[in-house]
N, C-alpha and C. Protein backbone atom coordinates (compact mmCIF):
# COMPACT_ATOMS: atom_id res chain seq x y z
N MET A 1 -4.58 -10.68 -19.07
CA MET A 1 -3.51 -10.43 -18.14
C MET A 1 -3.47 -8.97 -17.73
N LEU A 2 -3.18 -8.74 -16.47
CA LEU A 2 -2.98 -7.39 -15.98
C LEU A 2 -1.48 -7.11 -16.01
N LYS A 3 -1.10 -5.94 -16.44
CA LYS A 3 0.31 -5.63 -16.56
C LYS A 3 0.68 -4.47 -15.65
N TYR A 4 1.72 -4.63 -14.89
CA TYR A 4 2.24 -3.59 -14.03
C TYR A 4 3.61 -3.22 -14.56
N ILE A 5 3.79 -1.99 -14.93
CA ILE A 5 4.98 -1.56 -15.62
C ILE A 5 5.97 -0.95 -14.65
N GLY A 6 7.20 -1.36 -14.74
CA GLY A 6 8.26 -0.80 -13.92
C GLY A 6 8.73 0.52 -14.49
N GLN A 7 10.02 0.71 -14.63
CA GLN A 7 10.57 1.99 -15.05
C GLN A 7 10.16 2.30 -16.49
N SER A 8 9.11 3.08 -16.62
CA SER A 8 8.60 3.45 -17.93
C SER A 8 8.74 4.94 -18.16
N GLY A 9 9.48 5.60 -17.31
CA GLY A 9 9.63 7.03 -17.45
C GLY A 9 8.67 7.81 -16.58
N CYS A 10 7.55 7.20 -16.21
CA CYS A 10 6.58 7.92 -15.40
C CYS A 10 6.26 7.21 -14.09
N ILE A 11 6.63 5.97 -13.95
CA ILE A 11 6.45 5.26 -12.69
C ILE A 11 7.83 5.15 -12.04
N PRO A 12 8.03 5.83 -10.91
CA PRO A 12 9.38 6.03 -10.38
C PRO A 12 9.97 4.89 -9.56
N TYR A 13 9.69 3.66 -9.87
CA TYR A 13 10.41 2.58 -9.22
C TYR A 13 10.42 1.37 -10.12
N SER A 14 11.31 0.46 -9.84
CA SER A 14 11.49 -0.66 -10.75
C SER A 14 10.72 -1.88 -10.29
N LEU A 15 9.60 -2.11 -10.91
CA LEU A 15 8.85 -3.33 -10.68
C LEU A 15 9.10 -4.30 -11.84
N ALA A 16 9.95 -3.88 -12.76
CA ALA A 16 10.49 -4.72 -13.82
C ALA A 16 9.44 -5.49 -14.63
N LYS A 17 8.47 -4.80 -15.14
CA LYS A 17 7.49 -5.37 -16.07
C LYS A 17 6.86 -6.66 -15.58
N MET A 18 6.40 -6.66 -14.34
CA MET A 18 5.75 -7.84 -13.79
C MET A 18 4.37 -8.00 -14.42
N THR A 19 3.97 -9.22 -14.65
CA THR A 19 2.66 -9.51 -15.22
C THR A 19 1.97 -10.54 -14.34
N PHE A 20 0.70 -10.29 -14.02
CA PHE A 20 -0.07 -11.20 -13.19
C PHE A 20 -1.31 -11.63 -13.96
N THR A 21 -1.69 -12.89 -13.83
CA THR A 21 -2.95 -13.33 -14.39
C THR A 21 -4.07 -12.90 -13.44
N GLU A 22 -5.28 -12.89 -13.93
CA GLU A 22 -6.42 -12.55 -13.09
C GLU A 22 -6.53 -13.51 -11.90
N ALA A 23 -6.24 -14.80 -12.13
CA ALA A 23 -6.29 -15.79 -11.05
C ALA A 23 -5.26 -15.49 -9.97
N GLU A 24 -4.06 -15.08 -10.37
CA GLU A 24 -3.03 -14.73 -9.39
C GLU A 24 -3.43 -13.51 -8.57
N MET A 25 -4.08 -12.55 -9.21
CA MET A 25 -4.47 -11.34 -8.51
C MET A 25 -5.62 -11.60 -7.53
N THR A 26 -6.47 -12.58 -7.80
CA THR A 26 -7.61 -12.82 -6.93
C THR A 26 -7.35 -13.92 -5.91
N ALA A 27 -6.27 -14.71 -6.08
CA ALA A 27 -5.94 -15.75 -5.11
C ALA A 27 -5.46 -15.10 -3.82
N ASN A 28 -6.05 -15.49 -2.70
CA ASN A 28 -5.71 -14.85 -1.44
C ASN A 28 -6.04 -15.78 -0.29
N LYS A 29 -5.02 -16.30 0.37
CA LYS A 29 -5.27 -17.21 1.47
C LYS A 29 -5.64 -16.49 2.76
N TYR A 30 -5.51 -15.16 2.80
CA TYR A 30 -5.77 -14.40 4.02
C TYR A 30 -7.18 -13.83 4.10
N GLY A 31 -7.89 -13.76 3.02
CA GLY A 31 -9.21 -13.14 3.03
C GLY A 31 -9.98 -13.50 1.78
N PRO A 32 -11.08 -12.82 1.54
CA PRO A 32 -11.90 -13.12 0.35
C PRO A 32 -11.16 -12.77 -0.93
N ALA A 33 -11.61 -13.36 -2.04
CA ALA A 33 -11.04 -13.05 -3.34
C ALA A 33 -11.18 -11.56 -3.62
N ALA A 34 -10.29 -11.05 -4.44
CA ALA A 34 -10.23 -9.61 -4.70
C ALA A 34 -11.58 -9.04 -5.14
N GLY A 35 -12.38 -9.79 -5.89
CA GLY A 35 -13.64 -9.27 -6.39
C GLY A 35 -14.83 -9.45 -5.46
N ASP A 36 -14.66 -10.10 -4.34
CA ASP A 36 -15.76 -10.40 -3.43
C ASP A 36 -15.98 -9.25 -2.45
N GLU A 37 -16.51 -8.14 -2.97
CA GLU A 37 -16.63 -6.91 -2.17
C GLU A 37 -17.59 -7.05 -0.99
N GLU A 38 -18.64 -7.84 -1.13
CA GLU A 38 -19.58 -8.04 -0.02
C GLU A 38 -18.86 -8.71 1.17
N LYS A 39 -18.04 -9.68 0.87
CA LYS A 39 -17.27 -10.36 1.91
C LYS A 39 -16.24 -9.41 2.54
N TRP A 40 -15.55 -8.62 1.70
CA TRP A 40 -14.61 -7.63 2.22
C TRP A 40 -15.32 -6.67 3.16
N GLN A 41 -16.50 -6.22 2.78
CA GLN A 41 -17.24 -5.25 3.59
C GLN A 41 -17.57 -5.83 4.96
N SER A 42 -17.81 -7.13 5.04
CA SER A 42 -18.13 -7.74 6.32
C SER A 42 -16.89 -7.95 7.19
N GLU A 43 -15.70 -8.00 6.58
CA GLU A 43 -14.47 -8.26 7.33
C GLU A 43 -13.69 -7.01 7.71
N LEU A 44 -13.90 -5.91 7.00
CA LEU A 44 -13.16 -4.68 7.25
C LEU A 44 -14.04 -3.67 7.98
N THR A 45 -13.41 -2.72 8.68
CA THR A 45 -14.18 -1.63 9.27
C THR A 45 -14.71 -0.76 8.13
N GLU A 46 -15.64 0.11 8.43
CA GLU A 46 -16.20 0.99 7.40
C GLU A 46 -15.11 1.86 6.76
N GLU A 47 -14.21 2.40 7.59
CA GLU A 47 -13.13 3.25 7.07
C GLU A 47 -12.13 2.43 6.25
N GLN A 48 -11.80 1.23 6.72
CA GLN A 48 -10.90 0.36 5.95
C GLN A 48 -11.51 0.02 4.60
N PHE A 49 -12.78 -0.33 4.59
CA PHE A 49 -13.44 -0.68 3.33
C PHE A 49 -13.42 0.50 2.37
N HIS A 50 -13.71 1.70 2.89
CA HIS A 50 -13.71 2.90 2.05
C HIS A 50 -12.34 3.14 1.41
N VAL A 51 -11.28 3.01 2.18
CA VAL A 51 -9.94 3.27 1.66
C VAL A 51 -9.43 2.09 0.83
N LEU A 52 -9.45 0.90 1.40
CA LEU A 52 -8.84 -0.25 0.75
C LEU A 52 -9.60 -0.73 -0.49
N ARG A 53 -10.90 -0.73 -0.43
CA ARG A 53 -11.67 -1.32 -1.53
C ARG A 53 -12.34 -0.28 -2.44
N GLN A 54 -12.58 0.94 -1.92
CA GLN A 54 -13.22 1.98 -2.73
C GLN A 54 -12.25 3.11 -3.10
N LYS A 55 -10.98 2.92 -2.81
CA LYS A 55 -9.91 3.86 -3.16
C LYS A 55 -10.08 5.23 -2.51
N GLY A 56 -10.55 5.22 -1.28
CA GLY A 56 -10.70 6.47 -0.53
C GLY A 56 -9.37 6.90 0.07
N THR A 57 -9.41 8.01 0.79
CA THR A 57 -8.23 8.55 1.46
C THR A 57 -8.63 9.05 2.84
N GLU A 58 -7.83 8.72 3.84
CA GLU A 58 -8.08 9.28 5.17
C GLU A 58 -7.56 10.71 5.20
N ALA A 59 -8.10 11.51 6.08
CA ALA A 59 -7.67 12.90 6.20
C ALA A 59 -6.21 12.96 6.65
N PRO A 60 -5.44 13.93 6.14
CA PRO A 60 -4.04 14.03 6.54
C PRO A 60 -3.89 14.31 8.04
N PHE A 61 -2.81 13.82 8.60
CA PHE A 61 -2.44 13.99 10.01
C PHE A 61 -3.42 13.34 10.99
N THR A 62 -4.28 12.44 10.52
CA THR A 62 -5.24 11.78 11.41
C THR A 62 -4.93 10.29 11.62
N GLY A 63 -4.11 9.70 10.78
CA GLY A 63 -3.84 8.27 10.84
C GLY A 63 -2.92 7.88 11.99
N LYS A 64 -3.16 6.71 12.54
CA LYS A 64 -2.40 6.26 13.72
C LYS A 64 -0.93 6.00 13.43
N TYR A 65 -0.55 5.81 12.18
CA TYR A 65 0.85 5.52 11.87
C TYR A 65 1.60 6.73 11.30
N ASN A 66 0.96 7.89 11.21
CA ASN A 66 1.66 9.07 10.70
C ASN A 66 2.83 9.45 11.62
N ASP A 67 2.59 9.56 12.90
CA ASP A 67 3.62 9.90 13.88
C ASP A 67 3.86 8.68 14.76
N PHE A 68 4.47 7.66 14.18
CA PHE A 68 4.62 6.35 14.81
C PHE A 68 6.06 5.90 14.58
N HIS A 69 6.75 5.47 15.65
CA HIS A 69 8.19 5.24 15.53
C HIS A 69 8.66 3.89 16.06
N GLN A 70 7.78 2.92 16.20
CA GLN A 70 8.19 1.60 16.66
C GLN A 70 8.87 0.83 15.53
N LYS A 71 9.69 -0.14 15.90
CA LYS A 71 10.41 -0.96 14.93
C LYS A 71 9.60 -2.21 14.60
N GLY A 72 9.49 -2.48 13.31
CA GLY A 72 8.77 -3.66 12.88
C GLY A 72 8.40 -3.60 11.41
N LEU A 73 7.31 -4.25 11.09
CA LEU A 73 6.87 -4.44 9.72
C LEU A 73 5.43 -3.97 9.56
N PHE A 74 5.17 -3.24 8.50
CA PHE A 74 3.81 -2.78 8.18
C PHE A 74 3.21 -3.75 7.16
N LEU A 75 2.00 -4.24 7.47
CA LEU A 75 1.31 -5.24 6.66
C LEU A 75 0.05 -4.65 6.04
N CYS A 76 -0.43 -5.26 4.97
CA CYS A 76 -1.72 -4.88 4.39
C CYS A 76 -2.81 -5.21 5.40
N ALA A 77 -3.66 -4.24 5.73
CA ALA A 77 -4.73 -4.45 6.71
C ALA A 77 -5.79 -5.41 6.19
N ALA A 78 -5.86 -5.61 4.89
CA ALA A 78 -6.87 -6.50 4.32
C ALA A 78 -6.41 -7.96 4.29
N CYS A 79 -5.13 -8.19 3.95
CA CYS A 79 -4.72 -9.59 3.74
C CYS A 79 -3.47 -10.02 4.49
N GLY A 80 -2.78 -9.11 5.15
CA GLY A 80 -1.59 -9.47 5.90
C GLY A 80 -0.31 -9.52 5.10
N ASN A 81 -0.33 -9.12 3.84
CA ASN A 81 0.85 -9.11 2.99
C ASN A 81 1.87 -8.11 3.56
N ALA A 82 3.14 -8.51 3.66
CA ALA A 82 4.20 -7.61 4.15
C ALA A 82 4.44 -6.50 3.12
N LEU A 83 4.38 -5.24 3.57
CA LEU A 83 4.50 -4.11 2.65
C LEU A 83 5.73 -3.24 2.88
N PHE A 84 5.93 -2.77 4.11
CA PHE A 84 7.00 -1.81 4.39
C PHE A 84 7.68 -2.14 5.72
N ALA A 85 8.98 -1.84 5.80
CA ALA A 85 9.74 -1.97 7.04
C ALA A 85 9.81 -0.61 7.72
N SER A 86 9.77 -0.61 9.04
CA SER A 86 9.84 0.65 9.78
C SER A 86 11.14 1.40 9.51
N ASP A 87 12.21 0.69 9.19
CA ASP A 87 13.49 1.35 8.88
C ASP A 87 13.40 2.22 7.63
N ASP A 88 12.40 1.98 6.77
CA ASP A 88 12.23 2.76 5.54
C ASP A 88 11.15 3.83 5.67
N LYS A 89 10.63 4.03 6.89
CA LYS A 89 9.60 5.04 7.14
C LYS A 89 10.30 6.36 7.48
N TYR A 90 9.73 7.46 7.00
CA TYR A 90 10.29 8.78 7.31
C TYR A 90 9.16 9.80 7.37
N ASP A 91 9.45 10.96 7.93
CA ASP A 91 8.46 12.03 8.05
C ASP A 91 8.56 12.94 6.83
N SER A 92 7.62 12.79 5.92
CA SER A 92 7.62 13.60 4.70
C SER A 92 6.91 14.93 4.89
N GLY A 93 6.19 15.07 6.03
CA GLY A 93 5.42 16.29 6.26
C GLY A 93 4.10 16.30 5.51
N SER A 94 3.77 15.19 4.84
CA SER A 94 2.55 15.13 4.02
C SER A 94 1.29 14.86 4.84
N GLY A 95 1.46 14.30 6.04
CA GLY A 95 0.30 13.95 6.86
C GLY A 95 -0.08 12.49 6.78
N TRP A 96 0.63 11.72 5.97
CA TRP A 96 0.41 10.28 5.85
C TRP A 96 1.73 9.56 6.09
N PRO A 97 1.68 8.32 6.57
CA PRO A 97 2.93 7.56 6.71
C PRO A 97 3.63 7.50 5.35
N SER A 98 4.92 7.75 5.35
CA SER A 98 5.69 7.74 4.10
C SER A 98 6.88 6.81 4.23
N PHE A 99 7.17 6.13 3.16
CA PHE A 99 8.25 5.14 3.12
C PHE A 99 9.10 5.37 1.87
N THR A 100 10.38 5.01 1.95
CA THR A 100 11.27 5.18 0.81
C THR A 100 11.18 4.03 -0.19
N LYS A 101 10.72 2.86 0.29
CA LYS A 101 10.62 1.70 -0.59
C LYS A 101 9.79 0.62 0.08
N PRO A 102 9.21 -0.28 -0.72
CA PRO A 102 8.51 -1.42 -0.14
C PRO A 102 9.52 -2.45 0.38
N VAL A 103 9.06 -3.31 1.27
CA VAL A 103 9.93 -4.36 1.81
C VAL A 103 10.30 -5.35 0.71
N ASN A 104 9.42 -5.53 -0.26
CA ASN A 104 9.66 -6.40 -1.41
C ASN A 104 8.86 -5.83 -2.58
N SER A 105 9.51 -5.50 -3.67
CA SER A 105 8.81 -4.87 -4.80
C SER A 105 7.72 -5.75 -5.40
N GLU A 106 7.77 -7.06 -5.16
CA GLU A 106 6.75 -7.95 -5.69
C GLU A 106 5.47 -7.91 -4.86
N ASN A 107 5.50 -7.31 -3.67
CA ASN A 107 4.32 -7.27 -2.79
C ASN A 107 3.41 -6.10 -3.08
N ILE A 108 3.87 -5.14 -3.88
CA ILE A 108 3.07 -3.97 -4.22
C ILE A 108 3.07 -3.78 -5.72
N ALA A 109 1.93 -3.46 -6.28
CA ALA A 109 1.80 -3.16 -7.70
C ALA A 109 1.34 -1.70 -7.83
N THR A 110 1.49 -1.15 -9.00
CA THR A 110 1.06 0.23 -9.23
C THR A 110 0.13 0.32 -10.43
N ASN A 111 -0.70 1.34 -10.40
CA ASN A 111 -1.61 1.64 -11.49
C ASN A 111 -1.57 3.14 -11.74
N ARG A 112 -1.80 3.56 -12.97
CA ARG A 112 -1.96 4.98 -13.25
C ARG A 112 -3.31 5.42 -12.68
N ASP A 113 -3.33 6.54 -11.99
CA ASP A 113 -4.53 7.07 -11.34
C ASP A 113 -4.81 8.45 -11.91
N PHE A 114 -5.95 8.60 -12.56
CA PHE A 114 -6.33 9.87 -13.18
C PHE A 114 -7.44 10.58 -12.41
N SER A 115 -7.70 10.15 -11.18
CA SER A 115 -8.78 10.74 -10.39
C SER A 115 -8.41 12.15 -9.92
N HIS A 116 -9.41 12.92 -9.57
CA HIS A 116 -9.26 14.27 -9.00
C HIS A 116 -8.47 15.20 -9.92
N ASN A 117 -8.62 15.01 -11.23
CA ASN A 117 -7.94 15.84 -12.23
C ASN A 117 -6.43 15.88 -12.06
N MET A 118 -5.85 14.75 -11.65
CA MET A 118 -4.40 14.62 -11.49
C MET A 118 -3.95 13.32 -12.16
N VAL A 119 -2.67 13.23 -12.44
CA VAL A 119 -2.07 11.99 -12.88
C VAL A 119 -1.10 11.56 -11.79
N ARG A 120 -1.43 10.43 -11.16
CA ARG A 120 -0.61 9.92 -10.06
C ARG A 120 -0.37 8.44 -10.28
N THR A 121 0.47 7.87 -9.44
CA THR A 121 0.72 6.44 -9.46
C THR A 121 0.14 5.85 -8.19
N GLU A 122 -0.90 5.05 -8.35
CA GLU A 122 -1.56 4.40 -7.21
C GLU A 122 -0.76 3.18 -6.79
N ALA A 123 -0.62 2.97 -5.47
CA ALA A 123 0.01 1.78 -4.92
C ALA A 123 -1.09 0.85 -4.42
N VAL A 124 -1.04 -0.41 -4.85
CA VAL A 124 -2.02 -1.41 -4.43
C VAL A 124 -1.30 -2.65 -3.93
N CYS A 125 -1.93 -3.36 -3.02
CA CYS A 125 -1.39 -4.63 -2.55
C CYS A 125 -1.43 -5.63 -3.71
N ALA A 126 -0.30 -6.23 -4.01
CA ALA A 126 -0.25 -7.19 -5.12
C ALA A 126 -0.97 -8.50 -4.80
N LYS A 127 -1.19 -8.77 -3.52
CA LYS A 127 -1.86 -10.01 -3.14
C LYS A 127 -3.38 -9.90 -3.24
N CYS A 128 -3.96 -8.81 -2.72
CA CYS A 128 -5.43 -8.71 -2.68
C CYS A 128 -6.00 -7.57 -3.51
N GLY A 129 -5.14 -6.73 -4.08
CA GLY A 129 -5.60 -5.64 -4.93
C GLY A 129 -6.12 -4.43 -4.18
N SER A 130 -5.94 -4.38 -2.87
CA SER A 130 -6.45 -3.25 -2.09
C SER A 130 -5.63 -1.99 -2.32
N HIS A 131 -6.34 -0.86 -2.37
CA HIS A 131 -5.71 0.46 -2.51
C HIS A 131 -4.96 0.80 -1.23
N LEU A 132 -3.71 1.22 -1.36
CA LEU A 132 -2.89 1.58 -0.21
C LEU A 132 -2.66 3.08 -0.13
N GLY A 133 -2.41 3.69 -1.26
CA GLY A 133 -2.09 5.12 -1.32
C GLY A 133 -1.46 5.41 -2.68
N HIS A 134 -0.41 6.25 -2.69
CA HIS A 134 0.24 6.63 -3.94
C HIS A 134 1.74 6.68 -3.74
N VAL A 135 2.47 6.58 -4.84
CA VAL A 135 3.93 6.72 -4.82
C VAL A 135 4.29 7.92 -5.69
N PHE A 136 5.20 8.75 -5.16
CA PHE A 136 5.63 9.97 -5.83
C PHE A 136 7.16 9.94 -5.97
N ASP A 137 7.67 10.73 -6.89
CA ASP A 137 9.11 10.75 -7.14
C ASP A 137 9.81 11.93 -6.46
N ASP A 138 9.29 12.35 -5.31
CA ASP A 138 9.88 13.48 -4.58
C ASP A 138 10.43 13.08 -3.21
N GLY A 139 10.76 11.82 -3.04
CA GLY A 139 11.28 11.34 -1.77
C GLY A 139 12.78 11.58 -1.63
N PRO A 140 13.34 11.16 -0.50
CA PRO A 140 14.77 11.36 -0.26
C PRO A 140 15.64 10.49 -1.17
N GLU A 141 16.83 10.96 -1.42
CA GLU A 141 17.81 10.20 -2.21
C GLU A 141 18.27 8.99 -1.39
N PRO A 142 18.72 7.92 -1.97
CA PRO A 142 19.07 7.80 -3.37
C PRO A 142 17.92 7.37 -4.27
N LEU A 143 16.81 6.86 -3.70
CA LEU A 143 15.72 6.34 -4.53
C LEU A 143 14.74 7.40 -4.99
N ALA A 144 14.66 8.50 -4.25
CA ALA A 144 13.75 9.61 -4.57
C ALA A 144 12.29 9.16 -4.64
N GLN A 145 11.91 8.19 -3.81
CA GLN A 145 10.54 7.70 -3.78
C GLN A 145 9.86 8.10 -2.47
N ARG A 146 8.59 8.48 -2.59
CA ARG A 146 7.76 8.73 -1.40
C ARG A 146 6.52 7.88 -1.55
N TRP A 147 6.49 6.78 -0.82
CA TRP A 147 5.32 5.91 -0.79
C TRP A 147 4.41 6.48 0.28
N CYS A 148 3.39 7.19 -0.12
CA CYS A 148 2.46 7.89 0.76
C CYS A 148 1.25 6.97 0.98
N ILE A 149 1.15 6.39 2.18
CA ILE A 149 0.23 5.29 2.43
C ILE A 149 -0.77 5.65 3.53
N ASN A 150 -2.02 5.32 3.33
CA ASN A 150 -3.05 5.54 4.34
C ASN A 150 -2.80 4.63 5.55
N SER A 151 -2.84 5.20 6.75
CA SER A 151 -2.66 4.39 7.98
C SER A 151 -3.68 3.27 8.06
N VAL A 152 -4.91 3.56 7.69
CA VAL A 152 -5.99 2.58 7.81
C VAL A 152 -5.76 1.38 6.89
N ALA A 153 -4.88 1.52 5.91
CA ALA A 153 -4.55 0.42 5.00
C ALA A 153 -3.49 -0.50 5.58
N LEU A 154 -2.96 -0.14 6.76
CA LEU A 154 -1.85 -0.86 7.35
C LEU A 154 -2.18 -1.48 8.70
N GLU A 155 -1.49 -2.56 9.00
CA GLU A 155 -1.40 -3.11 10.36
C GLU A 155 0.08 -3.17 10.67
N PHE A 156 0.43 -3.18 11.93
CA PHE A 156 1.83 -3.17 12.32
C PHE A 156 2.18 -4.42 13.12
N GLU A 157 3.30 -5.02 12.78
CA GLU A 157 3.81 -6.17 13.52
C GLU A 157 5.15 -5.75 14.13
N GLN A 158 5.23 -5.79 15.45
CA GLN A 158 6.46 -5.38 16.13
C GLN A 158 7.63 -6.27 15.74
N LYS A 159 8.81 -5.70 15.81
CA LYS A 159 10.03 -6.41 15.41
C LYS A 159 10.27 -7.67 16.22
N ASP A 160 9.82 -7.70 17.46
CA ASP A 160 10.03 -8.87 18.30
C ASP A 160 9.11 -10.03 17.94
N GLY A 161 8.26 -9.84 16.90
CA GLY A 161 7.38 -10.90 16.44
C GLY A 161 6.15 -11.10 17.29
N SER A 162 5.78 -10.10 18.07
CA SER A 162 4.64 -10.25 18.98
C SER A 162 3.30 -10.11 18.28
N GLY A 163 3.29 -10.00 16.97
CA GLY A 163 2.05 -9.96 16.22
C GLY A 163 1.55 -8.57 15.94
N PRO A 164 0.44 -8.46 15.17
CA PRO A 164 -0.10 -7.16 14.82
C PRO A 164 -0.40 -6.32 16.05
N LYS A 165 -0.09 -5.05 15.93
CA LYS A 165 -0.35 -4.11 17.03
C LYS A 165 -1.14 -2.96 16.48
N GLU A 166 -2.22 -2.64 17.10
CA GLU A 166 -3.06 -1.51 16.66
C GLU A 166 -2.66 -0.25 17.33
């Protein structure tokens, strides 16, 4: 079993000790199973594959959703899972789209990330396991969360329901 820990003193949001089986983590009606990297590579752009599946990062201030103000819902670019509402998006000055909270805490999981000689909390899509970005505890009150997400990891669905918009 994979375990995602909520308020443990170092992960700044409450995912309330959710536990997923390997089968639950790899089940995905929107795309290939989480471990099928060859299939993911054929379905995603090169940049999406690098960020979503290889845990890369787009350059700051280059993503299409950094300075984006339409109303709607941000979805996982890999599987279509609902991640963030535009009402929770704010300008953190970081160069990446930032949100105060996920649309549903069950749609995003976190992992400890020790890469680049830092200790951070990685945000991943709970449905397909794709890397989205990181969550920090320096956001606006009352939650003090900054979900710093790569634009390339997102698709946008307008509030009027007109479907994904690039």
